């Protein structure tokens, strides 16, 4: 007679004691089958939701996309194309069984690109060709195919890869697509008052203090690809004095721009601990020979945290990775505010151990779970109920809790991000209270 089957977890204390080199197999997705629960659908597939490969590939103003895929991938793209502004930007070249076996579809791609170009009254600036795991398995040389297609239509044709198979490889899909969309920038006269913000495919929140900090340094033009309206504006990104990288998946793209165009880059992390945000801003300013007075912004953010912690004393959070935050860093922020974190649903990296060790000191019994681990099919929220859930994945696991998805396209950053996060938690609690 078998006992109750339970989802795997490990406490923060036990995981911190074991160390990165001794991760249990359950936390290493390459060592077991992948469980694609509803909790993983927001990020598991490179094209599933939000800014997956397909939507990200259309970041260049005026671009359109040709999806070369079996019918199943075409169908979920059709759902994505219903989002505002995308219905006229997706085109399809579907593969049948013979194409998949023989690769004959490759000869049809240049003709399909020509057909897309010819049918559009307003000619595109770029045509992106998105291919799937089928061509990964076939070993398709898409760079060569794109060069041939570009010669046909006389405009750039670029590849982007929706390869779930390479998600944990050296160049995951979202890393490659970031490199691809900046690859068209050409050497140009640099402007000392221009900077590019790289990393996200949507802009930062309008009231993010980073904009004011950059302007206080004498920066007059701040380029974010999501705010650019024309292809000509996109090309002007080549004039930047430096690139500011806000997401680690954009680091290879920034390195490419450094090598090709000589544009240096600085990386800033998205943080929710106000002392760490301040320290990062001070180091950033010093690297440019500047100073940064962030006192007012820091105090405003800390007041919002204090107010929330006083109004919701001892509130219990379950934190997932399907949100605009590093799940471990955000959990540490909540714990340092005097709140509680019962569980973290995330795939841990070596860098996360910096936060994990501190979490283990404050809350050693916090449980660490992996969304992709097969035993999560047995997860039972009644074993450890939560008051708030952060991230789409945590929301799925805890239907009884107050949901805060915190996954909008527009990106939180800095002190503004901290304020908006705790304000979002408060609004969610008030909404839940009204509903009840």
Protein backbone atom coordinates (compact mmCIF):
# COMPACT_ATOMS: atom_id res chain seq x y z
CA UNK A 1 0.00 0.00 0.00
CA UNK A 2 1.55 3.28 -1.12
CA UNK A 3 1.40 6.50 0.85
CA UNK A 4 0.35 9.93 -0.33
CA UNK A 5 2.37 11.17 -3.31
CA UNK A 6 3.82 14.63 -2.76
CA UNK A 7 5.49 17.28 -4.84
CA UNK A 8 9.25 17.57 -4.35
CA UNK A 9 10.62 20.51 -2.42
CA UNK A 10 13.76 21.36 -0.50
CA UNK A 11 14.05 23.97 2.24
CA UNK A 12 16.17 27.05 1.77
CA UNK A 13 18.40 25.94 4.66
CA UNK A 14 19.04 22.50 3.18
CA UNK A 15 19.65 23.84 -0.32
CA UNK A 16 22.03 26.54 0.93
CA UNK A 17 23.93 23.94 2.95
CA UNK A 18 24.20 21.59 -0.05
CA UNK A 19 25.49 24.33 -2.35
CA UNK A 20 25.32 24.83 -6.11
CA UNK A 21 27.53 21.85 -6.89
CA UNK A 22 25.16 19.47 -5.09
CA UNK A 23 21.81 20.50 -6.49
CA UNK A 24 19.26 17.70 -6.18
CA UNK A 25 18.29 16.17 -9.52
CA UNK A 26 14.75 17.44 -9.09
CA UNK A 27 15.99 21.03 -9.48
CA UNK A 28 17.97 20.28 -12.67
CA UNK A 29 15.54 20.03 -15.58
CA UNK A 30 18.03 18.20 -17.83
CA UNK A 31 18.08 15.26 -15.40
CA UNK A 32 14.40 14.38 -15.57
CA UNK A 33 11.29 14.57 -17.70
CA UNK A 34 9.73 18.01 -18.08
CA UNK A 35 6.33 18.58 -16.53
CA UNK A 36 4.58 21.26 -18.59
CA UNK A 37 1.89 22.16 -16.11
CA UNK A 38 -0.41 25.14 -16.67
CA UNK A 39 1.97 26.99 -14.36
CA UNK A 40 4.75 26.76 -16.96
CA UNK A 41 2.81 27.90 -20.00
CA UNK A 42 3.68 31.56 -19.54
CA UNK A 43 7.37 30.90 -20.13
CA UNK A 44 8.06 27.28 -21.04
CA UNK A 45 7.52 27.64 -24.78
CA UNK A 46 9.65 30.34 -26.44
CA UNK A 47 6.54 31.50 -28.29
CA UNK A 48 3.85 30.88 -25.72
CA UNK A 49 2.87 34.25 -24.29
CA UNK A 50 4.07 37.78 -23.68
CA UNK A 51 7.29 38.56 -25.55
CA UNK A 52 8.17 35.11 -26.79
CA UNK A 53 10.42 34.73 -29.81
CA UNK A 54 7.72 35.53 -32.35
CA UNK A 55 6.56 38.77 -30.79
CA UNK A 56 10.10 39.80 -29.85
CA UNK A 57 11.25 39.23 -33.42
CA UNK A 58 8.90 42.00 -34.52
CA UNK A 59 10.54 44.61 -32.27
CA UNK A 60 12.20 46.35 -35.24
CA UNK A 61 9.83 49.08 -36.46
CA UNK A 62 8.16 48.21 -39.75
CA UNK A 63 9.12 44.53 -39.65
CA UNK A 64 6.93 41.54 -40.52
CA UNK A 65 7.41 37.85 -39.86
CA UNK A 66 7.17 34.68 -41.93
CA UNK A 67 6.63 31.67 -39.69
CA UNK A 68 7.91 28.46 -41.27
CA UNK A 69 6.43 25.62 -39.24
CA UNK A 70 4.05 22.69 -38.97
CA UNK A 71 0.40 23.59 -38.63
CA UNK A 72 0.31 23.27 -34.83
CA UNK A 73 2.85 26.09 -34.36
CA UNK A 74 0.99 28.17 -36.92
CA UNK A 75 -2.22 27.84 -34.96
CA UNK A 76 -0.83 29.20 -31.70
CA UNK A 77 0.77 32.07 -33.61
CA UNK A 78 -2.63 32.89 -35.07
CA UNK A 79 -3.87 33.34 -31.51
CA UNK A 80 -0.96 35.70 -30.76
CA UNK A 81 -1.67 37.70 -33.92
CA UNK A 82 -5.02 38.69 -32.46
CA UNK A 83 -3.18 41.05 -30.11
CA UNK A 84 -3.47 44.65 -31.20
CA UNK A 85 -1.12 45.60 -34.02
CA UNK A 86 0.03 42.10 -34.94
CA UNK A 87 -2.70 40.76 -37.22
CA UNK A 88 -1.12 42.31 -40.33
CA UNK A 89 2.45 41.36 -39.43
CA UNK A 90 2.37 37.54 -39.40
CA UNK A 91 2.58 35.32 -42.48
CA UNK A 92 2.78 31.55 -42.69
CA UNK A 93 4.57 28.89 -44.70
CA UNK A 94 3.28 25.61 -43.32
CA UNK A 95 5.26 22.37 -43.51
CA UNK A 96 3.66 19.04 -44.33
CA UNK A 97 5.04 15.62 -43.54
CA UNK A 98 7.10 15.43 -46.73
CA UNK A 99 8.67 18.83 -46.00
CA UNK A 100 9.68 17.65 -42.55
CA UNK A 101 11.21 14.43 -43.89
CA UNK A 102 12.97 15.85 -46.95
CA UNK A 103 13.50 19.54 -46.18
CA UNK A 104 11.98 20.55 -49.53
CA UNK A 105 10.32 23.57 -47.89
CA UNK A 106 13.70 25.32 -47.82
CA UNK A 107 13.50 25.94 -51.58
CA UNK A 108 10.11 27.55 -51.10
CA UNK A 109 11.21 30.08 -48.47
CA UNK A 110 12.70 32.71 -50.86
CA UNK A 111 9.55 32.55 -53.01
CA UNK A 112 7.40 32.91 -49.89
CA UNK A 113 9.42 35.93 -48.77
CA UNK A 114 8.95 37.48 -52.22
CA UNK A 115 5.20 36.82 -52.03
CA UNK A 116 5.01 38.51 -48.61
CA UNK A 117 6.92 41.52 -49.89
CA UNK A 118 4.82 41.84 -53.05
CA UNK A 119 1.46 41.62 -51.26
CA UNK A 120 2.17 44.46 -48.85
CA UNK A 121 1.18 47.93 -49.99
CA UNK A 122 3.46 49.48 -47.39
CA UNK A 123 6.76 47.70 -47.84
CA UNK A 124 8.36 46.25 -44.69
CA UNK A 125 11.70 47.41 -43.34
CA UNK A 126 12.76 43.86 -42.45
CA UNK A 127 11.33 40.37 -42.90
CA UNK A 128 11.98 38.03 -40.00
CA UNK A 129 11.89 34.29 -40.68
CA UNK A 130 10.92 32.31 -37.61
CA UNK A 131 11.60 28.58 -37.66
CA UNK A 132 10.88 25.87 -35.13
CA UNK A 133 12.37 22.71 -33.63
CA UNK A 134 11.72 20.92 -36.93
CA UNK A 135 14.51 22.88 -38.62
CA UNK A 136 16.70 22.54 -35.56
CA UNK A 137 16.51 18.76 -35.98
CA UNK A 138 17.07 19.06 -39.74
CA UNK A 139 20.15 21.21 -39.15
CA UNK A 140 18.88 23.98 -41.43
CA UNK A 141 21.38 26.74 -42.25
CA UNK A 142 18.93 29.62 -41.94
CA UNK A 143 21.62 32.26 -42.30
CA UNK A 144 22.21 31.05 -45.87
CA UNK A 145 18.47 30.82 -46.62
CA UNK A 146 17.97 34.37 -45.34
CA UNK A 147 20.80 35.74 -47.48
CA UNK A 148 19.21 34.20 -50.56
CA UNK A 149 15.78 35.58 -49.65
CA UNK A 150 17.24 39.03 -48.96
CA UNK A 151 18.83 39.10 -52.41
CA UNK A 152 15.39 38.44 -53.90
CA UNK A 153 13.54 41.29 -52.19
CA UNK A 154 16.30 43.82 -51.63
CA UNK A 155 15.65 44.34 -47.89
CA UNK A 156 17.15 42.63 -44.82
CA UNK A 157 15.83 39.15 -44.04
CA UNK A 158 16.80 37.86 -40.61
CA UNK A 159 16.35 34.50 -38.84
CA UNK A 160 14.89 33.95 -35.41
CA UNK A 161 14.65 30.58 -33.80
CA UNK A 162 11.73 29.23 -31.82
CA UNK A 163 13.72 26.24 -30.61
CA UNK A 164 12.53 24.97 -27.24
CA UNK A 165 15.28 22.34 -27.60
CA UNK A 166 17.95 25.03 -27.11
CA UNK A 167 16.31 26.68 -24.10
CA UNK A 168 19.15 25.61 -21.79
CA UNK A 169 21.93 25.76 -24.37
CA UNK A 170 24.61 28.35 -25.04
CA UNK A 171 22.32 30.53 -27.16
CA UNK A 172 18.72 30.11 -25.97
CA UNK A 173 15.99 31.46 -28.26
CA UNK A 174 15.50 34.72 -26.35
CA UNK A 175 19.24 35.39 -26.35
CA UNK A 176 19.53 34.81 -30.08
CA UNK A 177 16.51 36.96 -30.98
CA UNK A 178 18.00 39.88 -29.05
CA UNK A 179 21.22 39.50 -31.02
CA UNK A 180 19.29 39.28 -34.27
CA UNK A 181 17.19 42.42 -33.84
CA UNK A 182 20.25 44.60 -33.20
CA UNK A 183 22.37 43.00 -35.94
CA UNK A 184 21.28 45.51 -38.59
CA UNK A 185 22.86 48.50 -36.84
CA UNK A 186 25.82 49.85 -38.80
CA UNK A 187 28.77 52.06 -37.78
CA UNK A 188 27.73 55.68 -37.33
CA UNK A 189 29.08 58.87 -35.76
CA UNK A 190 28.63 58.53 -32.03
CA UNK A 191 26.76 61.05 -29.88
CA UNK A 192 27.97 61.63 -26.31
CA UNK A 193 24.42 62.53 -25.25
CA UNK A 194 22.72 59.38 -26.55
CA UNK A 195 22.24 56.06 -24.76
CA UNK A 196 20.41 52.84 -25.64
CA UNK A 197 18.50 50.80 -23.08
CA UNK A 198 18.74 47.13 -24.05
CA UNK A 199 17.12 44.06 -22.59
CA UNK A 200 13.34 44.33 -22.68
CA UNK A 201 10.93 44.43 -25.61
CA UNK A 202 8.58 46.83 -23.83
CA UNK A 203 9.52 50.17 -22.26
CA UNK A 204 10.19 50.93 -18.64
CA UNK A 205 7.43 52.54 -16.62
CA UNK A 206 7.10 56.21 -17.54
CA UNK A 207 7.84 57.38 -13.99
CA UNK A 208 10.97 55.25 -13.58
CA UNK A 209 13.66 57.42 -11.99
CA UNK A 210 16.31 55.94 -14.29
CA UNK A 211 15.22 58.37 -17.02
CA UNK A 212 15.77 61.36 -14.72
CA UNK A 213 19.10 60.00 -13.55
CA UNK A 214 20.32 59.66 -17.13
CA UNK A 215 19.16 63.18 -17.95
CA UNK A 216 21.00 64.50 -14.89
CA UNK A 217 24.15 63.00 -16.45
CA UNK A 218 23.62 65.13 -19.56
CA UNK A 219 21.94 62.42 -21.66
CA UNK A 220 19.45 63.97 -24.08
CA UNK A 221 18.34 60.97 -26.15
CA UNK A 222 17.35 57.67 -24.53
CA UNK A 223 16.59 54.94 -27.06
CA UNK A 224 14.39 51.96 -26.24
CA UNK A 225 13.47 49.84 -29.22
CA UNK A 226 9.86 49.61 -28.03
CA UNK A 227 9.46 53.41 -28.15
CA UNK A 228 10.91 53.85 -31.64
CA UNK A 229 8.36 54.54 -34.38
CA UNK A 230 10.37 54.22 -37.59
CA UNK A 231 13.17 52.14 -39.06
CA UNK A 232 15.26 55.30 -39.37
CA UNK A 233 14.95 55.87 -35.63
CA UNK A 234 16.03 52.28 -35.07
CA UNK A 235 19.18 52.84 -37.17
CA UNK A 236 20.00 55.88 -35.00
CA UNK A 237 20.67 53.50 -32.12
CA UNK A 238 24.10 52.99 -33.70
CA UNK A 239 25.02 56.53 -32.55
CA UNK A 240 24.76 55.73 -28.83
CA UNK A 241 27.66 56.61 -26.56
CA UNK A 242 26.99 53.48 -24.51
CA UNK A 243 24.41 50.76 -24.02
CA UNK A 244 22.64 50.17 -20.73
CA UNK A 245 21.77 46.46 -20.36
CA UNK A 246 18.83 45.74 -18.04
CA UNK A 247 18.34 42.04 -18.78
CA UNK A 248 21.14 39.44 -18.80
CA UNK A 249 19.79 37.81 -21.97
CA UNK A 250 20.79 41.00 -23.82
CA UNK A 251 24.45 40.77 -22.81
CA UNK A 252 25.52 38.81 -25.93
CA UNK A 253 23.77 41.44 -28.10
CA UNK A 254 25.58 44.21 -26.22
CA UNK A 255 28.88 42.39 -26.67
CA UNK A 256 28.19 42.09 -30.42
CA UNK A 257 27.58 45.85 -30.61
CA UNK A 258 30.78 46.50 -28.68
CA UNK A 259 32.80 44.42 -31.11
CA UNK A 260 31.12 45.61 -34.32
CA UNK A 261 30.40 49.26 -33.52
CA UNK A 262 32.67 50.00 -30.58
CA UNK A 263 29.76 50.85 -28.28
CA UNK A 264 30.61 49.94 -24.66
CA UNK A 265 27.94 48.72 -22.27
CA UNK A 266 27.07 48.78 -18.58
CA UNK A 267 24.79 46.21 -16.93
CA UNK A 268 22.22 47.20 -14.30
CA UNK A 269 20.14 44.56 -12.55
CA UNK A 270 16.47 44.79 -11.69
CA UNK A 271 16.40 44.80 -7.89
CA UNK A 272 13.76 45.29 -5.20
CA UNK A 273 16.05 45.75 -2.17
CA UNK A 274 16.34 49.52 -1.85
CA UNK A 275 19.84 49.53 -0.36
CA UNK A 276 21.06 47.45 -3.31
CA UNK A 277 19.30 49.72 -5.79
CA UNK A 278 21.01 52.73 -4.24
CA UNK A 279 24.41 51.05 -4.27
CA UNK A 280 23.97 50.13 -7.94
CA UNK A 281 23.05 53.69 -8.90
CA UNK A 282 26.06 55.08 -7.02
CA UNK A 283 28.43 52.69 -8.78
CA UNK A 284 26.81 53.48 -12.13
CA UNK A 285 27.21 57.21 -11.59
CA UNK A 286 30.82 56.81 -10.47
CA UNK A 287 31.66 54.79 -13.59
CA UNK A 288 30.61 57.81 -15.66
CA UNK A 289 32.37 60.35 -13.45
CA UNK A 290 29.02 61.57 -12.10
CA UNK A 291 27.18 61.68 -8.78
CA UNK A 292 23.64 60.52 -8.06
CA UNK A 293 21.38 61.83 -5.30
CA UNK A 294 18.61 59.24 -5.00
CA UNK A 295 17.64 60.07 -1.42
CA UNK A 296 14.08 61.22 -2.13
CA UNK A 297 13.28 58.28 -4.42
CA UNK A 298 14.71 55.77 -1.96
CA UNK A 299 12.79 57.22 0.99
CA UNK A 300 9.54 57.20 -1.00
CA UNK A 301 10.01 53.53 -1.91
CA UNK A 302 10.90 52.54 1.66
CA UNK A 303 7.84 54.35 3.00
CA UNK A 304 5.60 52.30 0.67
CA UNK A 305 7.25 49.10 1.94
CA UNK A 306 6.85 50.12 5.59
CA UNK A 307 3.22 51.06 5.08
CA UNK A 308 2.40 47.74 3.44
CA UNK A 309 4.20 45.70 6.10
CA UNK A 310 2.33 47.57 8.87
CA UNK A 311 -1.06 47.06 7.23
CA UNK A 312 -0.44 43.36 6.40
CA UNK A 313 1.73 42.13 9.29
CA UNK A 314 3.09 38.63 8.82
CA UNK A 315 1.49 38.21 5.38
CA UNK A 316 2.60 34.97 3.71
CA UNK A 317 3.81 35.07 0.09
CA UNK A 318 4.34 32.30 -2.43
CA UNK A 319 6.67 33.65 -5.13
CA UNK A 320 7.01 32.28 -8.65
CA UNK A 321 9.39 33.05 -11.50
CA UNK A 322 6.58 33.98 -13.90
CA UNK A 323 6.82 37.64 -12.92
CA UNK A 324 8.88 40.77 -13.57
CA UNK A 325 11.44 39.96 -10.91
CA UNK A 326 14.07 37.48 -9.88
CA UNK A 327 12.02 35.22 -7.60
CA UNK A 328 14.84 34.83 -5.07
CA UNK A 329 15.78 38.51 -4.89
CA UNK A 330 12.14 39.54 -4.55
CA UNK A 331 11.61 36.91 -1.84
CA UNK A 332 14.58 38.29 0.07
CA UNK A 333 13.08 41.79 -0.21
CA UNK A 334 9.80 40.57 1.28
CA UNK A 335 11.58 38.78 4.13
CA UNK A 336 13.70 41.81 4.95
CA UNK A 337 10.49 43.84 5.16
CA UNK A 338 9.24 41.55 7.93
CA UNK A 339 6.85 39.58 5.71
CA UNK A 340 6.93 35.81 5.21
CA UNK A 341 7.74 33.68 2.17
CA UNK A 342 6.48 30.12 2.35
CA UNK A 343 7.55 28.91 -1.10
CA UNK A 344 9.57 29.90 -4.14
CA UNK A 345 8.70 28.29 -7.48
CA UNK A 346 11.75 28.77 -9.68
CA UNK A 347 14.63 27.15 -11.53
CA UNK A 348 17.62 28.20 -9.46
CA UNK A 349 20.89 29.39 -11.01
CA UNK A 350 24.32 29.67 -9.47
CA UNK A 351 23.89 33.45 -9.23
CA UNK A 352 20.69 32.96 -7.21
CA UNK A 353 22.67 31.41 -4.37
CA UNK A 354 23.72 34.91 -3.31
CA UNK A 355 20.07 35.52 -2.39
CA UNK A 356 19.33 31.97 -1.29
CA UNK A 357 21.97 31.98 1.44
CA UNK A 358 20.48 35.14 2.94
CA UNK A 359 16.96 33.71 2.63
CA UNK A 360 18.14 30.62 4.50
CA UNK A 361 19.36 32.79 7.38
CA UNK A 362 16.06 34.69 7.71
CA UNK A 363 13.60 31.96 6.75
CA UNK A 364 15.29 28.53 6.74
CA UNK A 365 12.01 26.64 6.21
CA UNK A 366 11.06 28.45 2.99
CA UNK A 367 10.45 25.73 0.40
CA UNK A 368 12.10 25.75 -3.04
CA UNK A 369 10.16 23.99 -5.82
CA UNK A 370 10.74 23.59 -9.56
CA UNK A 371 7.81 24.23 -11.90
CA UNK A 372 9.20 21.68 -14.35
CA UNK A 373 9.65 18.77 -11.91
CA UNK A 374 7.19 15.92 -12.65
CA UNK A 375 6.06 15.41 -9.04
CA UNK A 376 4.54 18.91 -9.12
CA UNK A 377 1.51 17.16 -10.58
CA UNK A 378 0.78 16.14 -6.98
CA UNK A 379 1.14 19.65 -5.55
CA UNK A 380 -1.41 20.39 -2.82
CA UNK A 381 -1.71 24.02 -1.71
CA UNK A 382 -3.54 23.01 1.47
CA UNK A 383 -0.22 21.75 2.86
CA UNK A 384 1.14 25.29 3.03
CA UNK A 385 -1.46 27.98 2.25
CA UNK A 386 -0.42 31.52 1.28
CA UNK A 387 -2.00 34.96 1.60
CA UNK A 388 -0.46 36.41 -1.60
CA UNK A 389 0.90 34.81 -4.76
CA UNK A 390 3.40 36.59 -7.02
CA UNK A 391 3.73 35.43 -10.64
CA UNK A 392 1.46 33.46 -12.93
CA UNK A 393 2.95 30.15 -11.84
CA UNK A 394 2.41 30.76 -8.13
CA UNK A 395 -1.12 31.97 -8.87
CA UNK A 396 -1.86 28.59 -10.46
CA UNK A 397 -0.61 26.63 -7.46
CA UNK A 398 -2.46 28.72 -4.86
CA UNK A 399 -6.00 29.47 -6.05
CA UNK A 400 -6.97 30.36 -2.47
CA UNK A 401 -4.52 33.26 -2.22
CA UNK A 402 -4.69 36.89 -3.37
CA UNK A 403 -3.24 36.84 -6.92
CA UNK A 404 -0.62 39.35 -8.04
CA UNK A 405 0.68 38.27 -11.46
CA UNK A 406 3.13 41.18 -11.74
CA UNK A 407 3.88 40.31 -15.36
CA UNK A 408 2.75 43.29 -17.45
CA UNK A 409 4.64 44.08 -20.65
CA UNK A 410 5.69 47.54 -19.39
CA UNK A 411 8.69 46.90 -17.20
CA UNK A 412 9.21 47.89 -13.56
CA UNK A 413 12.69 49.02 -12.57
CA UNK A 414 14.40 50.74 -9.67
CA UNK A 415 12.57 52.53 -6.91
CA UNK A 416 9.53 53.09 -9.12
CA UNK A 417 9.30 49.33 -9.59
CA UNK A 418 9.44 48.79 -5.82
CA UNK A 419 6.65 51.31 -5.20
CA UNK A 420 4.46 49.88 -7.93
CA UNK A 421 4.97 46.31 -6.73
CA UNK A 422 3.77 46.95 -3.19
CA UNK A 423 0.98 49.18 -4.49
CA UNK A 424 -0.11 46.32 -6.78
CA UNK A 425 -0.18 43.95 -3.79
CA UNK A 426 -2.31 46.44 -1.85
CA UNK A 427 -4.73 46.94 -4.74
CA UNK A 428 -5.08 43.17 -5.16
CA UNK A 429 -5.87 42.78 -1.45
CA UNK A 430 -8.43 45.58 -1.58
CA UNK A 431 -10.04 44.08 -4.67
CA UNK A 432 -10.20 40.67 -2.99
CA UNK A 433 -11.75 42.24 0.08
CA UNK A 434 -14.41 43.96 -2.00
CA UNK A 435 -15.17 40.74 -3.89
CA UNK A 436 -15.73 38.91 -0.63
